Amino acid sequence: MAEKKMTFEQAMDNLEQIVAGIEGGETSLEESIEKYAEGTELIKQCRAILDAAEKKIRLLARDEAGGLKVAGELEDDSADAPPA
């Protein structure tokens, strides 16, 4: 089954619901384990979203008037990186 792409906020909301359910004792042990696995996947997705946002922010530079401008395109850095 294909995973639906969520926004950061949606993933965090789902993660908070999972944590609340597990902490509140609303789930059985088996369901808690399944929810834990689902939560770890949500955490990975949130980290990926945050990493992409950080990469985009790093591309911002100040223009001559002090405003922000995009300094480059968002691409996979590893493919274009010069050899060390």
PDB file of N, CA and C in Angstrom:
ATOM      1  N   MET A   1       0.851  -1.189   0.000  1.00  0.00           N
ATOM      2  CA  MET A   1       0.000   0.000   0.000  1.00  0.00           C
ATOM      3  C   MET A   1       0.888   1.242   0.000  1.00  0.00           C
ATOM      4  N   ALA A   2       0.596   2.187  -0.874  1.00  0.00           N
ATOM      5  CA  ALA A   2       1.374   3.419  -0.971  1.00  0.00           C
ATOM      6  C   ALA A   2       1.071   4.323   0.216  1.00  0.00           C
ATOM      7  N   GLU A   3       2.136   4.895   0.777  1.00  0.00           N
ATOM      8  CA  GLU A   3       1.967   5.794   1.909  1.00  0.00           C
ATOM      9  C   GLU A   3       1.540   7.168   1.440  1.00  0.00           C
ATOM     10  N   LYS A   4       0.584   7.758   2.169  1.00  0.00           N
ATOM     11  CA  LYS A   4       0.112   9.104   1.854  1.00  0.00           C
ATOM     12  C   LYS A   4       1.095  10.121   2.422  1.00  0.00           C
ATOM     13  N   LYS A   5       1.487  11.075   1.602  1.00  0.00           N
ATOM     14  CA  LYS A   5       2.410  12.121   2.029  1.00  0.00           C
ATOM     15  C   LYS A   5       1.661  13.081   2.955  1.00  0.00           C
ATOM     16  N   MET A   6       2.220  13.314   4.130  1.00  0.00           N
ATOM     17  CA  MET A   6       1.615  14.215   5.110  1.00  0.00           C
ATOM     18  C   MET A   6       2.477  15.448   5.270  1.00  0.00           C
ATOM     19  N   THR A   7       1.842  16.501   5.711  1.00  0.00           N
ATOM     20  CA  THR A   7       2.600  17.691   6.083  1.00  0.00           C
ATOM     21  C   THR A   7       3.257  17.420   7.437  1.00  0.00           C
ATOM     22  N   PHE A   8       4.198  18.269   7.788  1.00  0.00           N
ATOM     23  CA  PHE A   8       4.855  18.154   9.081  1.00  0.00           C
ATOM     24  C   PHE A   8       3.829  18.228  10.208  1.00  0.00           C
ATOM     25  N   GLU A   9       2.899  19.171  10.079  1.00  0.00           N
ATOM     26  CA  GLU A   9       1.896  19.372  11.123  1.00  0.00           C
ATOM     27  C   GLU A   9       0.982  18.152  11.262  1.00  0.00           C
ATOM     28  N   GLN A  10       0.596  17.550  10.139  1.00  0.00           N
ATOM     29  CA  GLN A  10      -0.253  16.359  10.192  1.00  0.00           C
ATOM     30  C   GLN A  10       0.489  15.197  10.843  1.00  0.00           C
ATOM     31  N   ALA A  11       1.753  15.028  10.469  1.00  0.00           N
ATOM     32  CA  ALA A  11       2.554  13.947  11.052  1.00  0.00           C
ATOM     33  C   ALA A  11       2.720  14.153  12.556  1.00  0.00           C
ATOM     34  N   MET A  12       2.967  15.384  12.974  1.00  0.00           N
ATOM     35  CA  MET A  12       3.114  15.667  14.406  1.00  0.00           C
ATOM     36  C   MET A  12       1.809  15.428  15.155  1.00  0.00           C
ATOM     37  N   ASP A  13       0.688  15.836  14.563  1.00  0.00           N
ATOM     38  CA  ASP A  13      -0.617  15.588  15.197  1.00  0.00           C
ATOM     39  C   ASP A  13      -0.848  14.090  15.386  1.00  0.00           C
ATOM     40  N   ASN A  14      -0.559  13.308  14.337  1.00  0.00           N
ATOM     41  CA  ASN A  14      -0.720  11.861  14.434  1.00  0.00           C
ATOM     42  C   ASN A  14       0.203  11.278  15.502  1.00  0.00           C
ATOM     43  N   LEU A  15       1.429  11.756  15.543  1.00  0.00           N
ATOM     44  CA  LEU A  15       2.384  11.279  16.533  1.00  0.00           C
ATOM     45  C   LEU A  15       1.914  11.607  17.948  1.00  0.00           C
ATOM     46  N   GLU A  16       1.401  12.812  18.149  1.00  0.00           N
ATOM     47  CA  GLU A  16       0.894  13.203  19.470  1.00  0.00           C
ATOM     48  C   GLU A  16      -0.282  12.321  19.885  1.00  0.00           C
ATOM     49  N   GLN A  17      -1.147  11.970  18.940  1.00  0.00           N
ATOM     50  CA  GLN A  17      -2.280  11.091  19.246  1.00  0.00           C
ATOM     51  C   GLN A  17      -1.803   9.696  19.633  1.00  0.00           C
ATOM     52  N   ILE A  18      -0.804   9.210  18.929  1.00  0.00           N
ATOM     53  CA  ILE A  18      -0.244   7.893  19.242  1.00  0.00           C
ATOM     54  C   ILE A  18       0.346   7.892  20.649  1.00  0.00           C
ATOM     55  N   VAL A  19       1.148   8.902  20.952  1.00  0.00           N
ATOM     56  CA  VAL A  19       1.787   8.991  22.269  1.00  0.00           C
ATOM     57  C   VAL A  19       0.730   9.098  23.367  1.00  0.00           C
ATOM     58  N   ALA A  20      -0.267   9.933  23.150  1.00  0.00           N
ATOM     59  CA  ALA A  20      -1.327  10.095  24.156  1.00  0.00           C
ATOM     60  C   ALA A  20      -2.064   8.782  24.383  1.00  0.00           C
ATOM     61  N   GLY A  21      -2.344   8.061  23.308  1.00  0.00           N
ATOM     62  CA  GLY A  21      -3.030   6.778  23.434  1.00  0.00           C
ATOM     63  C   GLY A  21      -2.214   5.757  24.190  1.00  0.00           C
ATOM     64  N   ILE A  22      -0.935   5.677  23.881  1.00  0.00           N
ATOM     65  CA  ILE A  22      -0.069   4.714  24.570  1.00  0.00           C
ATOM     66  C   ILE A  22       0.104   5.111  26.031  1.00  0.00           C
ATOM     67  N   GLU A  23       0.388   6.383  26.284  1.00  0.00           N
ATOM     68  CA  GLU A  23       0.584   6.843  27.666  1.00  0.00           C
ATOM     69  C   GLU A  23      -0.697   6.748  28.484  1.00  0.00           C
ATOM     70  N   GLY A  24      -1.845   6.935  27.837  1.00  0.00           N
ATOM     71  CA  GLY A  24      -3.110   6.904  28.553  1.00  0.00           C
ATOM     72  C   GLY A  24      -3.628   5.507  28.826  1.00  0.00           C
ATOM     73  N   GLY A  25      -2.911   4.508  28.342  1.00  0.00           N
ATOM     74  CA  GLY A  25      -3.333   3.136  28.582  1.00  0.00           C
ATOM     75  C   GLY A  25      -4.568   2.752  27.790  1.00  0.00           C
ATOM     76  N   GLU A  26      -4.825   3.473  26.704  1.00  0.00           N
ATOM     77  CA  GLU A  26      -6.025   3.222  25.902  1.00  0.00           C
ATOM     78  C   GLU A  26      -5.841   2.081  24.910  1.00  0.00           C
ATOM     79  N   THR A  27      -4.647   1.529  24.828  1.00  0.00           N
ATOM     80  CA  THR A  27      -4.372   0.496  23.836  1.00  0.00           C
ATOM     81  C   THR A  27      -3.814  -0.753  24.515  1.00  0.00           C
ATOM     82  N   SER A  28      -4.045  -1.889  23.869  1.00  0.00           N
ATOM     83  CA  SER A  28      -3.479  -3.136  24.373  1.00  0.00           C
ATOM     84  C   SER A  28      -1.980  -3.154  24.098  1.00  0.00           C
ATOM     85  N   LEU A  29      -1.284  -4.109  24.660  1.00  0.00           N
ATOM     86  CA  LEU A  29       0.147  -4.221  24.452  1.00  0.00           C
ATOM     87  C   LEU A  29       0.456  -4.411  22.973  1.00  0.00           C
ATOM     88  N   GLU A  30      -0.270  -5.290  22.316  1.00  0.00           N
ATOM     89  CA  GLU A  30      -0.037  -5.555  20.904  1.00  0.00           C
ATOM     90  C   GLU A  30      -0.270  -4.301  20.063  1.00  0.00           C
ATOM     91  N   GLU A  31      -1.351  -3.609  20.354  1.00  0.00           N
ATOM     92  CA  GLU A  31      -1.657  -2.378  19.618  1.00  0.00           C
ATOM     93  C   GLU A  31      -0.618  -1.294  19.927  1.00  0.00           C
ATOM     94  N   SER A  32      -0.145  -1.256  21.165  1.00  0.00           N
ATOM     95  CA  SER A  32       0.882  -0.276  21.534  1.00  0.00           C
ATOM     96  C   SER A  32       2.158  -0.506  20.736  1.00  0.00           C
ATOM     97  N   ILE A  33       2.515  -1.773  20.534  1.00  0.00           N
ATOM     98  CA  ILE A  33       3.709  -2.085  19.748  1.00  0.00           C
ATOM     99  C   ILE A  33       3.521  -1.648  18.301  1.00  0.00           C
ATOM    100  N   GLU A  34       2.345  -1.891  17.734  1.00  0.00           N
ATOM    101  CA  GLU A  34       2.054  -1.449  16.367  1.00  0.00           C
ATOM    102  C   GLU A  34       2.087   0.072  16.275  1.00  0.00           C
ATOM    103  N   LYS A  35       1.494   0.722  17.259  1.00  0.00           N
ATOM    104  CA  LYS A  35       1.478   2.188  17.270  1.00  0.00           C
ATOM    105  C   LYS A  35       2.890   2.750  17.442  1.00  0.00           C
ATOM    106  N   TYR A  36       3.709   2.081  18.241  1.00  0.00           N
ATOM    107  CA  TYR A  36       5.100   2.502  18.419  1.00  0.00           C
ATOM    108  C   TYR A  36       5.831   2.461  17.070  1.00  0.00           C
ATOM    109  N   ALA A  37       5.626   1.379  16.330  1.00  0.00           N
ATOM    110  CA  ALA A  37       6.258   1.253  15.011  1.00  0.00           C
ATOM    111  C   ALA A  37       5.757   2.355  14.077  1.00  0.00           C
ATOM    112  N   GLU A  38       4.467   2.630  14.116  1.00  0.00           N
ATOM    113  CA  GLU A  38       3.896   3.717  13.303  1.00  0.00           C
ATOM    114  C   GLU A  38       4.496   5.064  13.713  1.00  0.00           C
ATOM    115  N   GLY A  39       4.676   5.248  15.006  1.00  0.00           N
ATOM    116  CA  GLY A  39       5.261   6.490  15.513  1.00  0.00           C
ATOM    117  C   GLY A  39       6.692   6.679  15.055  1.00  0.00           C
ATOM    118  N   THR A  40       7.473   5.604  15.020  1.00  0.00           N
ATOM    119  CA  THR A  40       8.860   5.738  14.560  1.00  0.00           C
ATOM    120  C   THR A  40       8.903   6.132  13.087  1.00  0.00           C
ATOM    121  N   GLU A  41       7.966   5.635  12.294  1.00  0.00           N
ATOM    122  CA  GLU A  41       7.903   6.035  10.883  1.00  0.00           C
ATOM    123  C   GLU A  41       7.516   7.511  10.755  1.00  0.00           C
ATOM    124  N   LEU A  42       6.606   7.967  11.607  1.00  0.00           N
ATOM    125  CA  LEU A  42       6.220   9.383  11.595  1.00  0.00           C
ATOM    126  C   LEU A  42       7.409  10.266  11.990  1.00  0.00           C
ATOM    127  N   ILE A  43       8.189   9.811  12.949  1.00  0.00           N
ATOM    128  CA  ILE A  43       9.373  10.571  13.356  1.00  0.00           C
ATOM    129  C   ILE A  43      10.353  10.684  12.192  1.00  0.00           C
ATOM    130  N   LYS A  44      10.566   9.594  11.473  1.00  0.00           N
ATOM    131  CA  LYS A  44      11.457   9.621  10.300  1.00  0.00           C
ATOM    132  C   LYS A  44      10.942  10.620   9.268  1.00  0.00           C
ATOM    133  N   GLN A  45       9.635  10.608   9.047  1.00  0.00           N
ATOM    134  CA  GLN A  45       9.051  11.538   8.076  1.00  0.00           C
ATOM    135  C   GLN A  45       9.228  12.986   8.545  1.00  0.00           C
ATOM    136  N   CYS A  46       9.007  13.252   9.816  1.00  0.00           N
ATOM    137  CA  CYS A  46       9.189  14.609  10.347  1.00  0.00           C
ATOM    138  C   CYS A  46      10.637  15.059  10.205  1.00  0.00           C
ATOM    139  N   ARG A  47      11.571  14.172  10.495  1.00  0.00           N
ATOM    140  CA  ARG A  47      12.992  14.520  10.355  1.00  0.00           C
ATOM    141  C   ARG A  47      13.339  14.843   8.907  1.00  0.00           C
ATOM    142  N   ALA A  48      12.785  14.067   7.965  1.00  0.00           N
ATOM    143  CA  ALA A  48      13.058  14.317   6.551  1.00  0.00           C
ATOM    144  C   ALA A  48      12.511  15.680   6.130  1.00  0.00           C
ATOM    145  N   ILE A  49      11.319  16.016   6.611  1.00  0.00           N
ATOM    146  CA  ILE A  49      10.717  17.315   6.292  1.00  0.00           C
ATOM    147  C   ILE A  49      11.572  18.438   6.882  1.00  0.00           C
ATOM    148  N   LEU A  50      12.009  18.275   8.127  1.00  0.00           N
ATOM    149  CA  LEU A  50      12.839  19.292   8.770  1.00  0.00           C
ATOM    150  C   LEU A  50      14.197  19.425   8.081  1.00  0.00           C
ATOM    151  N   ASP A  51      14.778  18.305   7.669  1.00  0.00           N
ATOM    152  CA  ASP A  51      16.057  18.351   6.952  1.00  0.00           C
ATOM    153  C   ASP A  51      15.915  19.123   5.638  1.00  0.00           C
ATOM    154  N   ALA A  52      14.815  18.882   4.916  1.00  0.00           N
ATOM    155  CA  ALA A  52      14.575  19.598   3.657  1.00  0.00           C
ATOM    156  C   ALA A  52      14.386  21.090   3.915  1.00  0.00           C
ATOM    157  N   ALA A  53      13.673  21.431   4.986  1.00  0.00           N
ATOM    158  CA  ALA A  53      13.461  22.842   5.327  1.00  0.00           C
ATOM    159  C   ALA A  53      14.786  23.506   5.703  1.00  0.00           C
ATOM    160  N   GLU A  54      15.614  22.798   6.450  1.00  0.00           N
ATOM    161  CA  GLU A  54      16.915  23.348   6.837  1.00  0.00           C
ATOM    162  C   GLU A  54      17.778  23.582   5.598  1.00  0.00           C
ATOM    163  N   LYS A  55      17.744  22.645   4.665  1.00  0.00           N
ATOM    164  CA  LYS A  55      18.514  22.791   3.432  1.00  0.00           C
ATOM    165  C   LYS A  55      18.049  24.024   2.661  1.00  0.00           C
ATOM    166  N   LYS A  56      16.744  24.222   2.612  1.00  0.00           N
ATOM    167  CA  LYS A  56      16.198  25.384   1.909  1.00  0.00           C
ATOM    168  C   LYS A  56      16.607  26.683   2.594  1.00  0.00           C
ATOM    169  N   ILE A  57      16.559  26.705   3.906  1.00  0.00           N
ATOM    170  CA  ILE A  57      16.941  27.899   4.662  1.00  0.00           C
ATOM    171  C   ILE A  57      18.406  28.240   4.428  1.00  0.00           C
ATOM    172  N   ARG A  58      19.251  27.209   4.342  1.00  0.00           N
ATOM    173  CA  ARG A  58      20.679  27.457   4.106  1.00  0.00           C
ATOM    174  C   ARG A  58      20.936  28.082   2.745  1.00  0.00           C
ATOM    175  N   LEU A  59      20.004  27.928   1.819  1.00  0.00           N
ATOM    176  CA  LEU A  59      20.170  28.508   0.491  1.00  0.00           C
ATOM    177  C   LEU A  59      19.804  29.991   0.456  1.00  0.00           C
ATOM    178  N   LEU A  60      19.180  30.472   1.516  1.00  0.00           N
ATOM    179  CA  LEU A  60      18.800  31.876   1.552  1.00  0.00           C
ATOM    180  C   LEU A  60      20.010  32.747   1.851  1.00  0.00           C
ATOM    181  N   ALA A  61      20.077  33.866   1.179  1.00  0.00           N
ATOM    182  CA  ALA A  61      21.177  34.813   1.405  1.00  0.00           C
ATOM    183  C   ALA A  61      20.592  36.217   1.442  1.00  0.00           C
ATOM    184  N   ARG A  62      21.314  37.128   1.999  1.00  0.00           N
ATOM    185  CA  ARG A  62      20.868  38.522   2.054  1.00  0.00           C
ATOM    186  C   ARG A  62      21.210  39.214   0.745  1.00  0.00           C
ATOM    187  N   ASP A  63      20.248  39.988   0.222  1.00  0.00           N
ATOM    188  CA  ASP A  63      20.554  40.783  -0.958  1.00  0.00           C
ATOM    189  C   ASP A  63      21.126  42.127  -0.507  1.00  0.00           C
ATOM    190  N   GLU A  64      21.452  42.985  -1.450  1.00  0.00           N
ATOM    191  CA  GLU A  64      22.094  44.259  -1.128  1.00  0.00           C
ATOM    192  C   GLU A  64      21.225  45.158  -0.257  1.00  0.00           C
ATOM    193  N   ALA A  65      19.908  45.035  -0.362  1.00  0.00           N
ATOM    194  CA  ALA A  65      18.996  45.856   0.427  1.00  0.00           C
ATOM    195  C   ALA A  65      18.724  45.251   1.805  1.00  0.00           C
ATOM    196  N   GLY A  66      19.334  44.106   2.100  1.00  0.00           N
ATOM    197  CA  GLY A  66      19.128  43.481   3.403  1.00  0.00           C
ATOM    198  C   GLY A  66      17.997  42.483   3.425  1.00  0.00           C
ATOM    199  N   GLY A  67      17.304  42.323   2.290  1.00  0.00           N
ATOM    200  CA  GLY A  67      16.222  41.348   2.214  1.00  0.00           C
ATOM    201  C   GLY A  67      16.771  39.970   1.913  1.00  0.00           C
ATOM    202  N   LEU A  68      15.907  38.977   2.019  1.00  0.00           N
ATOM    203  CA  LEU A  68      16.327  37.610   1.738  1.00  0.00           C
ATOM    204  C   LEU A  68      16.085  37.280   0.277  1.00  0.00           C
ATOM    205  N   LYS A  69      16.996  36.524  -0.297  1.00  0.00           N
ATOM    206  CA  LYS A  69      16.821  36.028  -1.652  1.00  0.00           C
ATOM    207  C   LYS A  69      17.318  34.588  -1.683  1.00  0.00           C
ATOM    208  N   VAL A  70      16.863  33.834  -2.651  1.00  0.00           N
ATOM    209  CA  VAL A  70      17.307  32.456  -2.788  1.00  0.00           C
ATOM    210  C   VAL A  70      18.668  32.470  -3.456  1.00  0.00           C
ATOM    211  N   ALA A  71      19.626  31.780  -2.853  1.00  0.00           N
ATOM    212  CA  ALA A  71      20.994  31.788  -3.355  1.00  0.00           C
ATOM    213  C   ALA A  71      21.275  30.617  -4.281  1.00  0.00           C
ATOM    214  N   GLY A  72      20.367  29.676  -4.399  1.00  0.00           N
ATOM    215  CA  GLY A  72      20.601  28.521  -5.255  1.00  0.00           C
ATOM    216  C   GLY A  72      19.367  27.651  -5.335  1.00  0.00           C
ATOM    217  N   GLU A  73      19.476  26.606  -6.098  1.00  0.00           N
ATOM    218  CA  GLU A  73      18.369  25.665  -6.259  1.00  0.00           C
ATOM    219  C   GLU A  73      18.493  24.547  -5.236  1.00  0.00           C
ATOM    220  N   LEU A  74      17.367  23.993  -4.841  1.00  0.00           N
ATOM    221  CA  LEU A  74      17.368  22.841  -3.948  1.00  0.00           C
ATOM    222  C   LEU A  74      17.644  21.597  -4.772  1.00  0.00           C
ATOM    223  N   GLU A  75      18.776  21.037  -4.608  1.00  0.00           N
ATOM    224  CA  GLU A  75      19.174  19.818  -5.306  1.00  0.00           C
ATOM    225  C   GLU A  75      19.819  18.894  -4.293  1.00  0.00           C
ATOM    226  N   ASP A  76      20.058  17.679  -4.695  1.00  0.00           N
ATOM    227  CA  ASP A  76      20.776  16.732  -3.857  1.00  0.00           C
ATOM    228  C   ASP A  76      22.236  17.152  -3.826  1.00  0.00           C
ATOM    229  N   ASP A  77      22.712  17.614  -2.674  1.00  0.00           N
ATOM    230  CA  ASP A  77      24.080  18.130  -2.534  1.00  0.00           C
ATOM    231  C   ASP A  77      25.135  17.073  -2.851  1.00  0.00           C
ATOM    232  N   SER A  78      24.856  15.825  -2.534  1.00  0.00           N
ATOM    233  CA  SER A  78      25.875  14.790  -2.676  1.00  0.00           C
ATOM    234  C   SER A  78      26.270  14.557  -4.122  1.00  0.00           C
ATOM    235  N   ALA A  79      25.356  14.733  -5.067  1.00  0.00           N
ATOM    236  CA  ALA A  79      25.657  14.479  -6.477  1.00  0.00           C
ATOM    237  C   ALA A  79      26.519  15.583  -7.072  1.00  0.00           C
ATOM    238  N   ASP A  80      26.343  16.811  -6.620  1.00  0.00           N
ATOM    239  CA  ASP A  80      27.055  17.954  -7.209  1.00  0.00           C
ATOM    240  C   ASP A  80      28.253  18.401  -6.394  1.00  0.00           C
ATOM    241  N   ALA A  81      28.496  17.771  -5.276  1.00  0.00           N
ATOM    242  CA  ALA A  81      29.579  18.210  -4.402  1.00  0.00           C
ATOM    243  C   ALA A  81      30.933  17.945  -5.075  1.00  0.00           C
ATOM    244  N   PRO A  82      31.821  18.941  -5.002  1.00  0.00           N
ATOM    245  CA  PRO A  82      33.165  18.728  -5.582  1.00  0.00           C
ATOM    246  C   PRO A  82      33.916  17.694  -4.754  1.00  0.00           C
ATOM    247  N   PRO A  83      34.823  16.956  -5.383  1.00  0.00           N
ATOM    248  CA  PRO A  83      35.581  15.964  -4.620  1.00  0.00           C
ATOM    249  C   PRO A  83      36.458  16.637  -3.573  1.00  0.00           C
ATOM    250  N   ALA A  84      36.615  15.975  -2.463  1.00  0.00           N
ATOM    251  CA  ALA A  84      37.392  16.527  -1.336  1.00  0.00           C
ATOM    252  C   ALA A  84      38.876  16.422  -1.576  1.00  0.00           C
TER     253      ALA A  84
END
